[in-house]
Amino acid sequence: ALSDVLFLCTSNSLNIPPALLDRMEIIRLAGYTEDEKLEIAKRHLLKKAMEDSGLRSGELKVTDAALRDTIRFYTREAGVRSLKRSIDALCRKAVKELVSLEGKSAKGKTKPEKGAKKAPKANAGKSVIAITPDNLDKYLGVRQFTFGQSERDDQVGLVTGLAWTEVGGDILQIEATVLDGKGKLMTTGKLGDVMQESIQAAASYVRRRASDLGIAGKFYEDRDVHVHVPDGATPKDGPSAGLAMVTAIVSALTGIPVKHDIAMTGEVSLRGRALQIGGLKEKLLAALRGGIKTVFLPRENVKDLADMPKNIKEGLTIIPVDSVDEVLAKALVHNPFTGGGQKGGPKSGKAKVKPSKPKAPVKRAPNLPSRRNGRPTLNA
């Protein structure tokens, strides 16, 4: 009977009619990591492609670095289908090159004289095609994709976020700048509704904590804040960039650079809490691949680290946080909470406490922290 049959279906997305989806048990399988794809290519895909192309052992050598570049720059997928097609193309072009070399070699040989013995075919089948990262484009053409790389310098208003896609994780650069204006909050980069709401929540948090962060003046009345996420042709959505949005806005308003080798992911509430996110494995893999050294994530996601590959845990410094305040204290070059937010301290910056220097706060720019606020301290 049909009721005794078990149907197994696969899909790259859950874009399935709700009535059918409700009757199915969903088993989610994470995509392969870059290291896993490399091993699959070496152990299975390359050998099978050589056999199908008629290549003998030793006629084609593909270095690990060339295979890794094939994965990074010529495929973008959770599985290995495109990788298989790329390796098949390598083998076909290698066969063509070998045939061309043998044809040229045959033309250069002279016919032996009558009665002379034929020399043994010592060099038969000894032609070798070596594929390295330097000549990979000769066989696969120009690179089809780029993978995210972290910045090389600490910059003001530039934060590295982490994104999840159906074909794996990626690095997301988030930029913020402050302009003279009337308190507008501008967003660009083809952002979805959820991400725009996340930016609004981040701006509200920064406005509420402005005095504690050392942001002088009513910036929300005479300044415009512009938040941009590059690669404007690609739609972007989701709440997990909240921590990065807050950090970018605070950096732009205070003038304190963000450390270039850090990344972060996590939703933020109006009270500054770091909320749980999904797709952690793919995001951490993207951070590791892009040269990131430190990643901030919500403490609620610590339980997900138990299933992470060993190379992720060893290659990244993962810092769980409960609030965005912890991120700002460690992600910025200087702690923005030291100085103006400390009552009664020597660095409070209150002119009334120091009558001998009544004009000191007047000389300070209205939207930038004082120099004292920017000094690093040991206070957490």
Protein backbone atom coordinates (compact mmCIF):
# COMPACT_ATOMS: atom_id res chain seq x y z
CA ALA A 1 0.00 0.00 0.00
CA LEU A 2 1.08 3.58 -0.56
CA SER A 3 0.84 4.22 3.17
CA ASP A 4 3.77 1.85 3.70
CA VAL A 5 6.03 3.89 1.41
CA LEU A 6 8.47 6.42 2.87
CA PHE A 7 9.19 9.34 0.56
CA LEU A 8 12.52 11.20 0.87
CA CYS A 9 12.64 14.60 -0.81
CA THR A 10 15.47 17.12 -1.04
CA SER A 11 15.25 20.87 -1.53
CA ASN A 12 17.64 23.80 -1.45
CA SER A 13 15.01 26.04 0.16
CA LEU A 14 11.74 25.81 2.06
CA ASN A 15 9.80 27.60 -0.66
CA ILE A 16 7.17 24.84 -0.48
CA PRO A 17 3.37 25.23 -0.33
CA PRO A 18 2.34 25.47 3.35
CA ALA A 19 -0.20 22.65 3.10
CA LEU A 20 2.49 20.25 1.86
CA LEU A 21 5.16 21.55 4.22
CA ASP A 22 2.88 20.93 7.19
CA ARG A 23 2.78 17.23 6.34
CA MET A 24 6.54 16.82 6.06
CA GLU A 25 9.25 16.32 8.63
CA ILE A 26 12.04 18.80 7.98
CA ILE A 27 15.62 17.60 8.45
CA ARG A 28 18.06 20.47 7.96
CA LEU A 29 21.51 19.61 6.64
CA ALA A 30 24.18 22.29 6.88
CA GLY A 31 26.31 22.95 3.81
CA TYR A 32 29.83 21.61 3.48
CA THR A 33 32.66 23.66 4.91
CA GLU A 34 35.52 24.76 2.68
CA ASP A 35 37.81 22.13 4.15
CA GLU A 36 35.19 19.43 3.63
CA LYS A 37 34.75 20.45 -0.01
CA LEU A 38 38.52 20.30 -0.49
CA GLU A 39 38.69 16.74 0.84
CA ILE A 40 35.71 15.65 -1.27
CA ALA A 41 37.37 17.10 -4.36
CA LYS A 42 40.70 15.37 -3.65
CA ARG A 43 39.32 11.97 -2.71
CA HIS A 44 36.38 11.62 -5.08
CA LEU A 45 35.63 14.35 -7.62
CA LEU A 46 39.09 14.70 -9.17
CA LYS A 47 39.66 10.93 -9.50
CA LYS A 48 36.23 10.40 -11.07
CA ALA A 49 36.72 13.29 -13.51
CA MET A 50 40.12 11.94 -14.59
CA GLU A 51 38.66 8.49 -15.24
CA ASP A 52 35.76 9.92 -17.24
CA SER A 53 38.16 12.03 -19.32
CA GLY A 54 40.56 9.15 -20.02
CA LEU A 55 43.46 10.67 -18.12
CA ARG A 56 46.02 8.28 -16.71
CA SER A 57 47.46 8.63 -13.25
CA GLY A 58 50.22 11.20 -13.25
CA GLU A 59 49.12 13.06 -16.38
CA LEU A 60 47.25 15.73 -14.39
CA LYS A 61 48.31 17.24 -11.09
CA VAL A 62 46.08 19.78 -9.34
CA THR A 63 47.51 21.38 -6.22
CA ASP A 64 45.46 21.83 -3.06
CA ALA A 65 45.78 25.59 -3.43
CA ALA A 66 44.30 25.41 -6.94
CA LEU A 67 41.37 23.33 -5.69
CA ARG A 68 40.78 25.79 -2.85
CA ASP A 69 40.77 28.71 -5.27
CA THR A 70 38.33 26.81 -7.45
CA ILE A 71 36.02 26.46 -4.45
CA ARG A 72 36.35 30.13 -3.50
CA PHE A 73 36.32 31.93 -6.83
CA TYR A 74 34.44 29.66 -9.26
CA THR A 75 31.67 28.19 -7.10
CA ARG A 76 29.19 29.52 -4.57
CA GLU A 77 27.04 26.75 -3.21
CA ALA A 78 26.25 24.69 -0.14
CA GLY A 79 27.02 21.40 -1.93
CA VAL A 80 29.58 20.39 -4.55
CA ARG A 81 27.66 20.25 -7.85
CA SER A 82 29.28 23.36 -9.33
CA LEU A 83 32.64 22.22 -7.98
CA LYS A 84 32.23 18.91 -9.85
CA ARG A 85 31.47 20.76 -13.08
CA SER A 86 34.54 22.96 -12.63
CA ILE A 87 36.80 19.96 -12.03
CA ASP A 88 35.31 18.22 -15.07
CA ALA A 89 36.18 21.30 -17.12
CA LEU A 90 39.76 21.20 -15.81
CA CYS A 91 40.15 17.59 -16.91
CA ARG A 92 38.66 18.16 -20.37
CA LYS A 93 40.98 21.07 -21.06
CA ALA A 94 43.92 19.09 -19.72
CA VAL A 95 43.13 16.31 -22.22
CA LYS A 96 43.00 18.84 -25.04
CA GLU A 97 46.36 20.26 -24.01
CA LEU A 98 47.95 16.82 -23.77
CA VAL A 99 46.73 15.87 -27.24
CA SER A 100 48.11 19.14 -28.59
CA LEU A 101 51.50 18.50 -26.97
CA GLU A 102 51.67 14.95 -28.32
CA GLY A 103 50.78 16.22 -31.81
CA LYS A 104 53.59 18.75 -31.75
CA SER A 105 55.99 16.10 -30.44
CA ALA A 106 55.03 13.69 -33.24
CA LYS A 107 55.63 16.32 -35.91
CA GLY A 108 59.12 16.93 -34.60
CA LYS A 109 60.19 13.30 -34.87
CA THR A 110 62.04 12.06 -37.98
CA LYS A 111 61.27 8.72 -39.61
CA PRO A 112 63.84 6.00 -38.74
CA GLU A 113 66.06 4.63 -41.49
CA LYS A 114 65.41 1.20 -42.95
CA GLY A 115 66.81 -1.60 -40.84
CA ALA A 116 67.17 0.62 -37.79
CA LYS A 117 65.60 -0.56 -34.57
CA LYS A 118 62.81 1.50 -33.04
CA ALA A 119 63.76 3.21 -29.85
CA PRO A 120 61.72 2.26 -26.81
CA LYS A 121 58.89 4.67 -25.91
CA ALA A 122 60.55 5.92 -22.78
CA ASN A 123 58.75 9.25 -22.83
CA ALA A 124 55.35 7.88 -23.79
CA GLY A 125 52.66 9.17 -21.47
CA LYS A 126 55.16 11.23 -19.50
CA SER A 127 53.63 14.62 -20.34
CA VAL A 128 52.21 16.17 -17.17
CA ILE A 129 49.76 19.05 -16.83
CA ALA A 130 50.21 20.89 -13.53
CA ILE A 131 47.42 23.24 -12.40
CA THR A 132 48.27 25.82 -9.75
CA PRO A 133 46.63 29.05 -8.59
CA ASP A 134 48.87 30.94 -11.03
CA ASN A 135 47.50 29.24 -14.15
CA LEU A 136 44.01 28.30 -12.93
CA ASP A 137 42.37 31.09 -14.93
CA LYS A 138 43.86 29.58 -18.10
CA TYR A 139 41.58 26.57 -17.65
CA LEU A 140 38.51 28.07 -15.91
CA GLY A 141 38.57 31.63 -17.23
CA VAL A 142 38.15 34.78 -15.17
CA ARG A 143 37.02 34.47 -11.58
CA GLN A 144 33.25 34.32 -11.19
CA PHE A 145 32.96 35.22 -7.52
CA THR A 146 34.79 36.96 -4.72
CA PHE A 147 34.76 36.00 -1.08
CA GLY A 148 34.74 38.53 1.73
CA GLN A 149 37.99 39.84 3.16
CA SER A 150 38.42 41.86 6.32
CA GLU A 151 39.77 45.40 6.22
CA ARG A 152 43.48 46.02 6.74
CA ASP A 153 43.21 49.22 8.82
CA ASP A 154 41.09 50.42 11.72
CA GLN A 155 38.49 52.83 10.32
CA VAL A 156 35.81 55.10 11.72
CA GLY A 157 32.25 54.01 11.02
CA LEU A 158 33.17 50.73 9.28
CA VAL A 159 32.16 47.45 10.92
CA THR A 160 32.40 43.88 9.66
CA GLY A 161 29.17 41.94 10.04
CA LEU A 162 28.41 38.33 9.20
CA ALA A 163 25.65 37.21 6.87
CA TRP A 164 23.98 33.89 6.12
CA THR A 165 22.92 32.85 2.62
CA GLU A 166 21.54 29.67 1.11
CA VAL A 167 25.00 28.94 -0.31
CA GLY A 168 26.92 29.57 2.91
CA GLY A 169 28.10 32.50 4.98
CA ASP A 170 29.66 35.75 3.88
CA ILE A 171 31.20 38.91 5.27
CA LEU A 172 29.03 42.03 5.31
CA GLN A 173 30.62 45.47 5.48
CA ILE A 174 28.47 48.07 7.29
CA GLU A 175 29.32 51.75 6.89
CA ALA A 176 28.03 54.76 8.82
CA THR A 177 28.80 58.44 8.46
CA VAL A 178 27.57 61.67 10.07
CA LEU A 179 26.62 64.77 8.07
CA ASP A 180 25.31 68.24 8.82
CA GLY A 181 21.54 68.09 8.59
CA LYS A 182 18.30 67.98 10.55
CA GLY A 183 18.40 64.65 12.34
CA LYS A 184 17.49 62.32 9.48
CA LEU A 185 18.38 58.63 9.50
CA MET A 186 19.21 57.51 5.96
CA THR A 187 19.68 53.89 4.88
CA THR A 188 20.93 52.59 1.53
CA GLY A 189 22.09 49.26 0.11
CA LYS A 190 18.80 47.58 -0.88
CA LEU A 191 17.92 46.71 2.71
CA GLY A 192 14.81 44.77 3.67
CA ASP A 193 12.18 45.91 6.15
CA VAL A 194 13.61 43.87 9.02
CA MET A 195 17.12 45.28 8.56
CA GLN A 196 15.80 48.84 8.34
CA GLU A 197 13.92 48.34 11.59
CA SER A 198 17.12 46.99 13.11
CA ILE A 199 18.91 50.21 12.13
CA GLN A 200 16.14 52.30 13.69
CA ALA A 201 16.41 50.34 16.93
CA ALA A 202 20.19 50.82 16.88
CA ALA A 203 19.81 54.59 16.38
CA SER A 204 17.31 54.81 19.25
CA TYR A 205 19.69 52.98 21.55
CA VAL A 206 22.58 55.30 20.64
CA ARG A 207 20.41 58.38 21.19
CA ARG A 208 19.35 57.13 24.63
CA ARG A 209 22.95 56.41 25.67
CA ALA A 210 24.51 59.48 24.01
CA SER A 211 25.71 61.08 27.25
CA ASP A 212 27.24 57.83 28.53
CA LEU A 213 29.02 57.35 25.20
CA GLY A 214 30.59 60.82 25.31
CA ILE A 215 28.57 62.14 22.37
CA ALA A 216 28.21 65.86 23.00
CA GLY A 217 25.37 68.03 21.72
CA LYS A 218 21.96 67.06 20.36
CA PHE A 219 23.20 65.19 17.33
CA TYR A 220 19.67 64.02 16.55
CA GLU A 221 18.66 67.63 15.80
CA ASP A 222 21.51 69.03 13.74
CA ARG A 223 23.15 65.90 12.27
CA ASP A 224 22.09 63.29 9.71
CA VAL A 225 23.24 59.69 10.12
CA HIS A 226 23.70 57.67 6.94
CA VAL A 227 24.03 53.88 7.19
CA HIS A 228 25.05 52.04 4.03
CA VAL A 229 25.67 48.36 3.26
CA PRO A 230 27.74 48.00 0.06
CA ASP A 231 26.91 45.75 -2.88
CA GLY A 232 23.68 47.59 -3.44
CA ALA A 233 22.43 45.24 -6.16
CA THR A 234 22.14 42.37 -3.67
CA PRO A 235 19.02 42.35 -1.45
CA LYS A 236 19.80 42.15 2.26
CA ASP A 237 17.51 41.48 5.17
CA GLY A 238 17.43 40.00 8.64
CA PRO A 239 17.85 41.23 12.22
CA SER A 240 21.27 39.75 13.03
CA ALA A 241 23.21 42.91 12.08
CA GLY A 242 21.90 44.89 15.05
CA LEU A 243 25.14 44.80 17.04
CA ALA A 244 27.14 45.87 13.99
CA MET A 245 24.72 48.73 13.28
CA VAL A 246 25.08 50.13 16.79
CA THR A 247 28.87 49.86 16.64
CA ALA A 248 29.06 51.61 13.27
CA ILE A 249 26.83 54.51 14.40
CA VAL A 250 28.68 54.97 17.69
CA SER A 251 32.03 54.91 15.88
CA ALA A 252 30.85 57.57 13.41
CA LEU A 253 29.48 59.85 16.13
CA THR A 254 32.44 59.54 18.49
CA GLY A 255 35.19 59.40 15.90
CA ILE A 256 36.66 56.26 17.49
CA PRO A 257 37.86 53.70 14.89
CA VAL A 258 36.66 50.10 14.89
CA LYS A 259 39.24 47.32 15.07
CA HIS A 260 39.70 45.84 11.60
CA ASP A 261 40.20 42.20 12.60
CA ILE A 262 36.90 41.75 14.46
CA ALA A 263 33.43 40.81 13.28
CA MET A 264 30.09 40.48 15.02
CA THR A 265 26.63 39.04 14.65
CA GLY A 266 23.57 39.41 16.82
CA GLU A 267 20.26 41.19 17.09
CA VAL A 268 19.95 44.14 19.47
CA SER A 269 16.99 45.32 21.52
CA LEU A 270 16.12 48.90 22.49
CA ARG A 271 17.68 48.24 25.89
CA GLY A 272 20.90 47.03 24.27
CA ARG A 273 20.50 43.30 24.84
CA ALA A 274 22.26 40.95 22.42
CA LEU A 275 19.66 38.50 21.10
CA GLN A 276 20.10 35.04 19.60
CA ILE A 277 20.64 34.53 15.86
CA GLY A 278 20.75 31.61 13.41
CA GLY A 279 23.17 30.31 10.79
CA LEU A 280 26.10 30.53 13.19
CA LYS A 281 28.21 27.81 11.57
CA GLU A 282 28.13 29.42 8.13
CA LYS A 283 28.86 32.86 9.58
CA LEU A 284 31.87 31.68 11.58
CA LEU A 285 33.24 29.88 8.52
CA ALA A 286 32.96 33.12 6.55
CA ALA A 287 34.81 34.98 9.31
CA LEU A 288 37.61 32.40 9.37
CA ARG A 289 37.93 32.46 5.59
CA GLY A 290 38.01 36.26 5.49
CA GLY A 291 40.92 36.66 7.92
CA ILE A 292 38.87 37.67 10.96
CA LYS A 293 40.48 36.88 14.31
CA THR A 294 37.76 37.78 16.84
CA VAL A 295 33.99 37.31 16.63
CA PHE A 296 31.36 38.70 19.01
CA LEU A 297 28.13 36.71 19.29
CA PRO A 298 25.16 36.59 21.68
CA ARG A 299 25.67 34.46 24.76
CA GLU A 300 22.49 32.56 23.92
CA ASN A 301 24.35 31.10 20.92
CA VAL A 302 27.12 29.53 23.01
CA LYS A 303 25.21 26.25 23.01
CA ASP A 304 25.61 26.08 19.22
CA LEU A 305 29.41 26.02 19.50
CA ALA A 306 29.33 22.37 20.57
CA ASP A 307 28.57 21.37 16.97
CA MET A 308 31.21 23.59 15.37
CA PRO A 309 34.17 22.07 13.49
CA LYS A 310 37.46 22.00 15.35
CA ASN A 311 39.20 24.36 12.91
CA ILE A 312 36.65 27.09 13.70
CA LYS A 313 37.19 26.87 17.45
CA GLU A 314 40.96 26.91 17.05
CA GLY A 315 41.13 29.61 14.38
CA LEU A 316 38.83 32.20 15.98
CA THR A 317 38.60 33.95 19.31
CA ILE A 318 34.87 33.80 20.07
CA ILE A 319 33.57 36.28 22.65
CA PRO A 320 30.00 35.75 23.92
CA VAL A 321 28.25 38.97 25.02
CA ASP A 322 25.03 39.81 26.85
CA SER A 323 24.72 43.41 25.72
CA VAL A 324 25.98 45.80 23.07
CA ASP A 325 27.87 47.69 25.78
CA GLU A 326 30.34 44.82 26.00
CA VAL A 327 30.84 44.92 22.24
CA LEU A 328 31.49 48.68 22.18
CA ALA A 329 34.02 48.42 25.01
CA LYS A 330 36.08 45.80 23.13
CA ALA A 331 35.40 46.37 19.43
CA LEU A 332 36.37 50.05 19.34
CA VAL A 333 39.98 51.14 19.59
CA HIS A 334 39.09 53.14 22.73
CA ASN A 335 36.35 52.44 25.23
CA PRO A 336 33.63 55.08 24.59
CA PHE A 337 32.15 54.64 28.07
CA THR A 338 35.22 55.92 29.91
CA GLY A 339 35.24 59.65 30.64
CA GLY A 340 32.01 61.52 30.06
CA GLY A 341 29.84 58.80 31.53
CA GLN A 342 31.72 58.58 34.86
CA LYS A 343 30.22 60.84 37.47
CA GLY A 344 32.57 62.78 39.70
CA GLY A 345 35.68 61.31 38.13
CA PRO A 346 38.70 63.32 37.03
CA LYS A 347 37.70 62.80 33.40
CA SER A 348 34.05 63.73 33.69
CA GLY A 349 34.53 66.83 31.52
CA LYS A 350 32.07 68.99 33.56
CA ALA A 351 32.98 72.67 33.29
CA LYS A 352 31.22 73.56 36.57
CA VAL A 353 33.57 71.37 38.56
CA LYS A 354 36.61 73.19 37.20
CA PRO A 355 35.91 76.93 37.38
CA SER A 356 39.50 77.72 36.42
CA LYS A 357 38.84 76.45 32.91
CA PRO A 358 35.29 77.56 32.10
CA LYS A 359 35.87 77.63 28.32
CA ALA A 360 37.27 74.13 27.95
CA PRO A 361 34.01 72.46 26.86
CA VAL A 362 33.24 75.28 24.41
CA LYS A 363 36.34 74.51 22.34
CA ARG A 364 35.22 70.94 21.83
CA ALA A 365 33.40 70.01 18.64
CA PRO A 366 29.65 69.58 19.34
CA ASN A 367 29.46 66.03 18.02
CA LEU A 368 32.82 64.57 18.97
CA PRO A 369 34.07 63.29 22.33
CA SER A 370 36.84 65.06 24.16
CA ARG A 371 40.37 63.72 23.95
CA ARG A 372 40.07 62.48 27.47
CA ASN A 373 37.07 60.38 26.57
CA GLY A 374 39.09 58.59 23.89
CA ARG A 375 41.88 57.33 26.16
CA PRO A 376 41.91 53.62 26.86
CA THR A 377 41.52 52.59 30.48
CA LEU A 378 41.60 49.34 32.39
CA ASN A 379 38.05 49.80 33.63
CA ALA A 380 35.73 47.20 32.07
